[in-house]
């Protein structure tokens, strides 16, 4: 799969405008990542790649039964984050 498509994590970072992958941990990027996720077919990436991406962004060690389940979980969690307006 890597030869036909970029890695999911890199695709999300680029679309969110993150300079570093570690920037994806910042709440500021949550809505940008969630917006991109809505347009990515869950079957475009393997379950392992989805799981690795979700766990990296969320800082978790979750497991999933399908790419669609993982994508939806990531989308749900990121959609619930609120950016603080100070």
PDB file of N, CA and C in Angstrom:
ATOM      1  N   UNK A   1       0.793  -1.215   0.000  1.00  0.00           N
ATOM      2  CA  UNK A   1       0.000   0.000   0.000  1.00  0.00           C
ATOM      3  C   UNK A   1       0.836   1.281   0.000  1.00  0.00           C
ATOM      4  N   UNK A   2       1.985   1.326   0.666  1.00  0.00           N
ATOM      5  CA  UNK A   2       2.738   2.577   0.715  1.00  0.00           C
ATOM      6  C   UNK A   2       3.121   3.131  -0.651  1.00  0.00           C
ATOM      7  N   UNK A   3       3.282   2.275  -1.673  1.00  0.00           N
ATOM      8  CA  UNK A   3       3.692   2.776  -2.970  1.00  0.00           C
ATOM      9  C   UNK A   3       2.578   3.496  -3.711  1.00  0.00           C
ATOM     10  N   UNK A   4       1.309   3.229  -3.387  1.00  0.00           N
ATOM     11  CA  UNK A   4       0.214   3.884  -4.104  1.00  0.00           C
ATOM     12  C   UNK A   4      -0.374   5.067  -3.336  1.00  0.00           C
ATOM     13  N   UNK A   5      -0.063   5.169  -2.077  1.00  0.00           N
ATOM     14  CA  UNK A   5      -0.641   6.225  -1.261  1.00  0.00           C
ATOM     15  C   UNK A   5       0.336   6.617  -0.164  1.00  0.00           C
ATOM     16  N   UNK A   6       0.319   7.879   0.191  1.00  0.00           N
ATOM     17  CA  UNK A   6       1.160   8.330   1.298  1.00  0.00           C
ATOM     18  C   UNK A   6       0.659   7.727   2.600  1.00  0.00           C
ATOM     19  N   UNK A   7       1.511   7.719   3.587  1.00  0.00           N
ATOM     20  CA  UNK A   7       1.104   7.231   4.903  1.00  0.00           C
ATOM     21  C   UNK A   7      -0.003   8.128   5.444  1.00  0.00           C
ATOM     22  N   UNK A   8      -0.944   7.524   6.136  1.00  0.00           N
ATOM     23  CA  UNK A   8      -2.098   8.247   6.671  1.00  0.00           C
ATOM     24  C   UNK A   8      -1.678   9.380   7.596  1.00  0.00           C
ATOM     25  N   UNK A   9      -0.764   9.116   8.480  1.00  0.00           N
ATOM     26  CA  UNK A   9      -0.328  10.145   9.431  1.00  0.00           C
ATOM     27  C   UNK A   9       0.242  11.359   8.707  1.00  0.00           C
ATOM     28  N   UNK A  10       1.044  11.124   7.692  1.00  0.00           N
ATOM     29  CA  UNK A  10       1.613  12.235   6.920  1.00  0.00           C
ATOM     30  C   UNK A  10       0.531  12.980   6.147  1.00  0.00           C
ATOM     31  N   UNK A  11      -0.422  12.258   5.609  1.00  0.00           N
ATOM     32  CA  UNK A  11      -1.517  12.909   4.886  1.00  0.00           C
ATOM     33  C   UNK A  11      -2.308  13.828   5.814  1.00  0.00           C
ATOM     34  N   UNK A  12      -2.589  13.367   7.021  1.00  0.00           N
ATOM     35  CA  UNK A  12      -3.337  14.182   7.985  1.00  0.00           C
ATOM     36  C   UNK A  12      -2.530  15.394   8.431  1.00  0.00           C
ATOM     37  N   UNK A  13      -1.240  15.190   8.679  1.00  0.00           N
ATOM     38  CA  UNK A  13      -0.386  16.303   9.108  1.00  0.00           C
ATOM     39  C   UNK A  13      -0.314  17.374   8.025  1.00  0.00           C
ATOM     40  N   UNK A  14      -0.120  16.953   6.790  1.00  0.00           N
ATOM     41  CA  UNK A  14      -0.039  17.913   5.687  1.00  0.00           C
ATOM     42  C   UNK A  14      -1.346  18.670   5.509  1.00  0.00           C
ATOM     43  N   UNK A  15      -2.455  17.968   5.562  1.00  0.00           N
ATOM     44  CA  UNK A  15      -3.747  18.630   5.346  1.00  0.00           C
ATOM     45  C   UNK A  15      -4.094  19.585   6.484  1.00  0.00           C
ATOM     46  N   UNK A  16      -3.588  19.300   7.692  1.00  0.00           N
ATOM     47  CA  UNK A  16      -3.851  20.173   8.842  1.00  0.00           C
ATOM     48  C   UNK A  16      -2.873  21.345   8.897  1.00  0.00           C
ATOM     49  N   UNK A  17      -1.830  21.294   8.093  1.00  0.00           N
ATOM     50  CA  UNK A  17      -0.834  22.358   8.114  1.00  0.00           C
ATOM     51  C   UNK A  17       0.160  22.211   9.249  1.00  0.00           C
ATOM     52  N   UNK A  18       0.288  21.015   9.781  1.00  0.00           N
ATOM     53  CA  UNK A  18       1.227  20.777  10.877  1.00  0.00           C
ATOM     54  C   UNK A  18       2.653  20.702  10.325  1.00  0.00           C
ATOM     55  N   UNK A  19       3.566  21.363  10.983  1.00  0.00           N
ATOM     56  CA  UNK A  19       4.961  21.349  10.564  1.00  0.00           C
ATOM     57  C   UNK A  19       5.606  20.024  10.955  1.00  0.00           C
ATOM     58  N   UNK A  20       5.307  19.544  12.151  1.00  0.00           N
ATOM     59  CA  UNK A  20       5.857  18.299  12.672  1.00  0.00           C
ATOM     60  C   UNK A  20       4.720  17.345  12.996  1.00  0.00           C
ATOM     61  N   UNK A  21       4.975  16.041  12.900  1.00  0.00           N
ATOM     62  CA  UNK A  21       3.954  15.062  13.270  1.00  0.00           C
ATOM     63  C   UNK A  21       3.513  15.249  14.723  1.00  0.00           C
ATOM     64  N   UNK A  22       4.444  15.616  15.585  1.00  0.00           N
ATOM     65  CA  UNK A  22       4.104  15.809  17.002  1.00  0.00           C
ATOM     66  C   UNK A  22       3.109  16.955  17.200  1.00  0.00           C
ATOM     67  N   UNK A  23       2.994  17.854  16.227  1.00  0.00           N
ATOM     68  CA  UNK A  23       1.998  18.927  16.314  1.00  0.00           C
ATOM     69  C   UNK A  23       0.583  18.373  16.366  1.00  0.00           C
ATOM     70  N   UNK A  24       0.387  17.165  15.834  1.00  0.00           N
ATOM     71  CA  UNK A  24      -0.955  16.580  15.798  1.00  0.00           C
ATOM     72  C   UNK A  24      -1.499  16.278  17.189  1.00  0.00           C
ATOM     73  N   UNK A  25      -0.643  16.295  18.194  1.00  0.00           N
ATOM     74  CA  UNK A  25      -1.086  16.103  19.579  1.00  0.00           C
ATOM     75  C   UNK A  25      -1.768  17.358  20.126  1.00  0.00           C
ATOM     76  N   UNK A  26      -1.560  18.480  19.500  1.00  0.00           N
ATOM     77  CA  UNK A  26      -2.123  19.739  19.981  1.00  0.00           C
ATOM     78  C   UNK A  26      -3.597  19.841  19.614  1.00  0.00           C
ATOM     79  N   UNK A  27      -4.391  20.285  20.558  1.00  0.00           N
ATOM     80  CA  UNK A  27      -5.832  20.379  20.365  1.00  0.00           C
ATOM     81  C   UNK A  27      -6.199  21.302  19.198  1.00  0.00           C
ATOM     82  N   UNK A  28      -5.350  22.256  18.898  1.00  0.00           N
ATOM     83  CA  UNK A  28      -5.598  23.186  17.800  1.00  0.00           C
ATOM     84  C   UNK A  28      -5.865  22.445  16.487  1.00  0.00           C
ATOM     85  N   UNK A  29      -5.192  21.351  16.275  1.00  0.00           N
ATOM     86  CA  UNK A  29      -5.299  20.620  15.011  1.00  0.00           C
ATOM     87  C   UNK A  29      -6.468  19.641  14.955  1.00  0.00           C
ATOM     88  N   UNK A  30      -7.150  19.423  16.073  1.00  0.00           N
ATOM     89  CA  UNK A  30      -8.186  18.391  16.119  1.00  0.00           C
ATOM     90  C   UNK A  30      -9.290  18.602  15.084  1.00  0.00           C
ATOM     91  N   UNK A  31      -9.788  19.821  14.952  1.00  0.00           N
ATOM     92  CA  UNK A  31     -10.874  20.050  13.991  1.00  0.00           C
ATOM     93  C   UNK A  31     -10.383  19.948  12.547  1.00  0.00           C
ATOM     94  N   UNK A  32      -9.126  20.289  12.315  1.00  0.00           N
ATOM     95  CA  UNK A  32      -8.554  20.182  10.971  1.00  0.00           C
ATOM     96  C   UNK A  32      -8.371  18.717  10.571  1.00  0.00           C
ATOM     97  N   UNK A  33      -7.919  17.909  11.506  1.00  0.00           N
ATOM     98  CA  UNK A  33      -7.765  16.477  11.253  1.00  0.00           C
ATOM     99  C   UNK A  33      -9.136  15.844  11.045  1.00  0.00           C
ATOM    100  N   UNK A  34     -10.092  16.192  11.909  1.00  0.00           N
ATOM    101  CA  UNK A  34     -11.447  15.634  11.791  1.00  0.00           C
ATOM    102  C   UNK A  34     -12.068  15.979  10.440  1.00  0.00           C
ATOM    103  N   UNK A  35     -11.853  17.184   9.988  1.00  0.00           N
ATOM    104  CA  UNK A  35     -12.397  17.601   8.688  1.00  0.00           C
ATOM    105  C   UNK A  35     -11.835  16.730   7.567  1.00  0.00           C
ATOM    106  N   UNK A  36     -10.532  16.462   7.605  1.00  0.00           N
ATOM    107  CA  UNK A  36      -9.894  15.631   6.577  1.00  0.00           C
ATOM    108  C   UNK A  36     -10.387  14.192   6.657  1.00  0.00           C
ATOM    109  N   UNK A  37     -10.562  13.677   7.881  1.00  0.00           N
ATOM    110  CA  UNK A  37     -11.006  12.298   8.063  1.00  0.00           C
ATOM    111  C   UNK A  37     -12.345  12.021   7.395  1.00  0.00           C
ATOM    112  N   UNK A  38     -13.204  13.015   7.336  1.00  0.00           N
ATOM    113  CA  UNK A  38     -14.524  12.840   6.732  1.00  0.00           C
ATOM    114  C   UNK A  38     -14.432  12.454   5.258  1.00  0.00           C
ATOM    115  N   UNK A  39     -13.307  12.773   4.626  1.00  0.00           N
ATOM    116  CA  UNK A  39     -13.149  12.530   3.191  1.00  0.00           C
ATOM    117  C   UNK A  39     -12.219  11.363   2.863  1.00  0.00           C
ATOM    118  N   UNK A  40     -11.751  10.668   3.880  1.00  0.00           N
ATOM    119  CA  UNK A  40     -10.863   9.535   3.648  1.00  0.00           C
ATOM    120  C   UNK A  40     -11.653   8.241   3.807  1.00  0.00           C
ATOM    121  N   UNK A  41     -11.613   7.424   2.783  1.00  0.00           N
ATOM    122  CA  UNK A  41     -12.262   6.111   2.827  1.00  0.00           C
ATOM    123  C   UNK A  41     -11.505   5.232   3.817  1.00  0.00           C
ATOM    124  N   UNK A  42     -12.211   4.636   4.750  1.00  0.00           N
ATOM    125  CA  UNK A  42     -11.571   3.797   5.766  1.00  0.00           C
ATOM    126  C   UNK A  42     -10.785   2.656   5.130  1.00  0.00           C
ATOM    127  N   UNK A  43     -11.252   2.156   4.013  1.00  0.00           N
ATOM    128  CA  UNK A  43     -10.586   1.025   3.369  1.00  0.00           C
ATOM    129  C   UNK A  43      -9.377   1.427   2.529  1.00  0.00           C
ATOM    130  N   UNK A  44      -9.076   2.707   2.491  1.00  0.00           N
ATOM    131  CA  UNK A  44      -7.909   3.168   1.746  1.00  0.00           C
ATOM    132  C   UNK A  44      -6.606   2.838   2.475  1.00  0.00           C
ATOM    133  N   UNK A  45      -6.706   2.535   3.776  1.00  0.00           N
ATOM    134  CA  UNK A  45      -5.537   2.203   4.580  1.00  0.00           C
ATOM    135  C   UNK A  45      -5.820   0.941   5.376  1.00  0.00           C
ATOM    136  N   UNK A  46      -4.765   0.262   5.755  1.00  0.00           N
ATOM    137  CA  UNK A  46      -4.905  -0.979   6.530  1.00  0.00           C
ATOM    138  C   UNK A  46      -5.364  -0.685   7.958  1.00  0.00           C
ATOM    139  N   UNK A  47      -5.875  -1.701   8.610  1.00  0.00           N
ATOM    140  CA  UNK A  47      -6.271  -1.566  10.013  1.00  0.00           C
ATOM    141  C   UNK A  47      -5.065  -1.165  10.857  1.00  0.00           C
ATOM    142  N   UNK A  48      -3.908  -1.761  10.578  1.00  0.00           N
ATOM    143  CA  UNK A  48      -2.707  -1.407  11.346  1.00  0.00           C
ATOM    144  C   UNK A  48      -2.370   0.068  11.191  1.00  0.00           C
ATOM    145  N   UNK A  49      -2.440   0.583   9.972  1.00  0.00           N
ATOM    146  CA  UNK A  49      -2.103   1.995   9.772  1.00  0.00           C
ATOM    147  C   UNK A  49      -3.114   2.902  10.464  1.00  0.00           C
ATOM    148  N   UNK A  50      -4.391   2.569  10.383  1.00  0.00           N
ATOM    149  CA  UNK A  50      -5.416   3.350  11.090  1.00  0.00           C
ATOM    150  C   UNK A  50      -5.176   3.321  12.594  1.00  0.00           C
ATOM    151  N   UNK A  51      -4.911   2.120  13.118  1.00  0.00           N
ATOM    152  CA  UNK A  51      -4.698   1.973  14.563  1.00  0.00           C
ATOM    153  C   UNK A  51      -3.467   2.736  15.021  1.00  0.00           C
ATOM    154  N   UNK A  52      -2.367   2.597  14.292  1.00  0.00           N
ATOM    155  CA  UNK A  52      -1.144   3.329  14.643  1.00  0.00           C
ATOM    156  C   UNK A  52      -1.375   4.834  14.607  1.00  0.00           C
ATOM    157  N   UNK A  53      -2.098   5.301  13.609  1.00  0.00           N
ATOM    158  CA  UNK A  53      -2.378   6.735  13.479  1.00  0.00           C
ATOM    159  C   UNK A  53      -3.245   7.235  14.623  1.00  0.00           C
ATOM    160  N   UNK A  54      -4.329   6.527  14.904  1.00  0.00           N
ATOM    161  CA  UNK A  54      -5.230   6.934  15.988  1.00  0.00           C
ATOM    162  C   UNK A  54      -4.502   6.950  17.333  1.00  0.00           C
ATOM    163  N   UNK A  55      -3.753   5.898  17.600  1.00  0.00           N
ATOM    164  CA  UNK A  55      -3.044   5.826  18.877  1.00  0.00           C
ATOM    165  C   UNK A  55      -1.967   6.892  18.990  1.00  0.00           C
ATOM    166  N   UNK A  56      -1.317   7.228  17.892  1.00  0.00           N
ATOM    167  CA  UNK A  56      -0.313   8.291  17.917  1.00  0.00           C
ATOM    168  C   UNK A  56      -0.967   9.641  18.203  1.00  0.00           C
ATOM    169  N   UNK A  57      -2.012   9.961  17.468  1.00  0.00           N
ATOM    170  CA  UNK A  57      -2.658  11.263  17.630  1.00  0.00           C
ATOM    171  C   UNK A  57      -3.306  11.403  18.999  1.00  0.00           C
ATOM    172  N   UNK A  58      -3.970  10.353  19.460  1.00  0.00           N
ATOM    173  CA  UNK A  58      -4.709  10.424  20.720  1.00  0.00           C
ATOM    174  C   UNK A  58      -3.861  10.059  21.936  1.00  0.00           C
ATOM    175  N   UNK A  59      -2.694   9.498  21.718  1.00  0.00           N
ATOM    176  CA  UNK A  59      -1.847   9.090  22.838  1.00  0.00           C
ATOM    177  C   UNK A  59      -2.433   7.912  23.603  1.00  0.00           C
ATOM    178  N   UNK A  60      -3.037   6.994  22.868  1.00  0.00           N
ATOM    179  CA  UNK A  60      -3.692   5.836  23.479  1.00  0.00           C
ATOM    180  C   UNK A  60      -3.045   4.540  22.994  1.00  0.00           C
ATOM    181  N   UNK A  61      -3.578   3.435  23.479  1.00  0.00           N
ATOM    182  CA  UNK A  61      -3.134   2.097  23.060  1.00  0.00           C
ATOM    183  C   UNK A  61      -4.354   1.251  22.751  1.00  0.00           C
ATOM    184  N   UNK A  62      -5.300   1.824  22.034  1.00  0.00           N
ATOM    185  CA  UNK A  62      -6.545   1.133  21.726  1.00  0.00           C
ATOM    186  C   UNK A  62      -6.362   0.143  20.586  1.00  0.00           C
ATOM    187  N   UNK A  63      -7.290  -0.814  20.509  1.00  0.00           N
ATOM    188  CA  UNK A  63      -7.312  -1.737  19.379  1.00  0.00           C
ATOM    189  C   UNK A  63      -8.700  -1.685  18.756  1.00  0.00           C
ATOM    190  N   UNK A  64      -8.774  -2.020  17.500  1.00  0.00           N
ATOM    191  CA  UNK A  64     -10.013  -1.904  16.743  1.00  0.00           C
ATOM    192  C   UNK A  64     -10.208  -3.152  15.891  1.00  0.00           C
ATOM    193  N   UNK A  65     -11.436  -3.393  15.496  1.00  0.00           N
ATOM    194  CA  UNK A  65     -11.734  -4.591  14.713  1.00  0.00           C
ATOM    195  C   UNK A  65     -11.764  -4.330  13.214  1.00  0.00           C
ATOM    196  N   UNK A  66     -11.811  -3.057  12.823  1.00  0.00           N
ATOM    197  CA  UNK A  66     -11.851  -2.734  11.397  1.00  0.00           C
ATOM    198  C   UNK A  66     -11.339  -1.313  11.175  1.00  0.00           C
ATOM    199  N   UNK A  67     -10.894  -1.027   9.964  1.00  0.00           N
ATOM    200  CA  UNK A  67     -10.493   0.345   9.659  1.00  0.00           C
ATOM    201  C   UNK A  67     -11.644   1.338   9.865  1.00  0.00           C
ATOM    202  N   UNK A  68     -12.858   0.942   9.508  1.00  0.00           N
ATOM    203  CA  UNK A  68     -14.011   1.830   9.658  1.00  0.00           C
ATOM    204  C   UNK A  68     -14.272   2.163  11.128  1.00  0.00           C
ATOM    205  N   UNK A  69     -14.137   1.176  12.000  1.00  0.00           N
ATOM    206  CA  UNK A  69     -14.347   1.414  13.426  1.00  0.00           C
ATOM    207  C   UNK A  69     -13.291   2.380  13.967  1.00  0.00           C
ATOM    208  N   UNK A  70     -12.062   2.174  13.561  1.00  0.00           N
ATOM    209  CA  UNK A  70     -10.970   3.038  14.020  1.00  0.00           C
ATOM    210  C   UNK A  70     -11.165   4.460  13.509  1.00  0.00           C
ATOM    211  N   UNK A  71     -11.477   4.605  12.232  1.00  0.00           N
ATOM    212  CA  UNK A  71     -11.705   5.926  11.637  1.00  0.00           C
ATOM    213  C   UNK A  71     -12.814   6.661  12.374  1.00  0.00           C
ATOM    214  N   UNK A  72     -13.912   5.958  12.649  1.00  0.00           N
ATOM    215  CA  UNK A  72     -15.042   6.581  13.335  1.00  0.00           C
ATOM    216  C   UNK A  72     -14.683   6.984  14.758  1.00  0.00           C
ATOM    217  N   UNK A  73     -13.936   6.135  15.447  1.00  0.00           N
ATOM    218  CA  UNK A  73     -13.492   6.470  16.812  1.00  0.00           C
ATOM    219  C   UNK A  73     -12.635   7.736  16.805  1.00  0.00           C
ATOM    220  N   UNK A  74     -11.670   7.775  15.903  1.00  0.00           N
ATOM    221  CA  UNK A  74     -10.797   8.943  15.808  1.00  0.00           C
ATOM    222  C   UNK A  74     -11.599  10.193  15.477  1.00  0.00           C
ATOM    223  N   UNK A  75     -12.517  10.067  14.548  1.00  0.00           N
ATOM    224  CA  UNK A  75     -13.368  11.196  14.171  1.00  0.00           C
ATOM    225  C   UNK A  75     -14.223  11.659  15.352  1.00  0.00           C
ATOM    226  N   UNK A  76     -14.807  10.721  16.084  1.00  0.00           N
ATOM    227  CA  UNK A  76     -15.641  11.070  17.247  1.00  0.00           C
ATOM    228  C   UNK A  76     -14.844  11.792  18.321  1.00  0.00           C
ATOM    229  N   UNK A  77     -13.687  11.265  18.650  1.00  0.00           N
ATOM    230  CA  UNK A  77     -12.869  11.878  19.709  1.00  0.00           C
ATOM    231  C   UNK A  77     -12.410  13.273  19.293  1.00  0.00           C
ATOM    232  N   UNK A  78     -11.887  13.390  18.087  1.00  0.00           N
ATOM    233  CA  UNK A  78     -11.383  14.692  17.635  1.00  0.00           C
ATOM    234  C   UNK A  78     -12.503  15.719  17.495  1.00  0.00           C
ATOM    235  N   UNK A  79     -13.679  15.288  17.105  1.00  0.00           N
ATOM    236  CA  UNK A  79     -14.811  16.202  16.941  1.00  0.00           C
ATOM    237  C   UNK A  79     -15.295  16.752  18.275  1.00  0.00           C
ATOM    238  N   UNK A  80     -14.988  16.045  19.356  1.00  0.00           N
ATOM    239  CA  UNK A  80     -15.427  16.479  20.683  1.00  0.00           C
ATOM    240  C   UNK A  80     -14.451  17.425  21.367  1.00  0.00           C
ATOM    241  N   UNK A  81     -13.240  17.561  20.827  1.00  0.00           N
ATOM    242  CA  UNK A  81     -12.270  18.492  21.395  1.00  0.00           C
ATOM    243  C   UNK A  81     -12.716  19.912  21.079  1.00  0.00           C
ATOM    244  N   UNK A  82     -12.530  20.803  22.014  1.00  0.00           N
ATOM    245  CA  UNK A  82     -12.851  22.206  21.821  1.00  0.00           C
ATOM    246  C   UNK A  82     -11.569  23.022  21.969  1.00  0.00           C
ATOM    247  N   UNK A  83     -11.382  23.936  21.083  1.00  0.00           N
ATOM    248  CA  UNK A  83     -10.228  24.842  21.178  1.00  0.00           C
ATOM    249  C   UNK A  83     -10.568  25.944  22.175  1.00  0.00           C
ATOM    250  N   UNK A  84      -9.689  26.145  23.138  1.00  0.00           N
ATOM    251  CA  UNK A  84      -9.883  27.182  24.135  1.00  0.00           C
ATOM    252  C   UNK A  84      -9.739  28.554  23.504  1.00  0.00           C
ATOM    253  N   UNK A  85     -10.658  29.446  23.817  1.00  0.00           N
ATOM    254  CA  UNK A  85     -10.612  30.813  23.283  1.00  0.00           C
ATOM    255  C   UNK A  85     -10.292  31.780  24.422  1.00  0.00           C
ATOM    256  N   UNK A  86      -9.011  31.965  24.659  1.00  0.00           N
ATOM    257  CA  UNK A  86      -8.578  32.869  25.742  1.00  0.00           C
ATOM    258  C   UNK A  86      -8.278  34.233  25.210  1.00  0.00           C
TER     259      UNK A  86
END
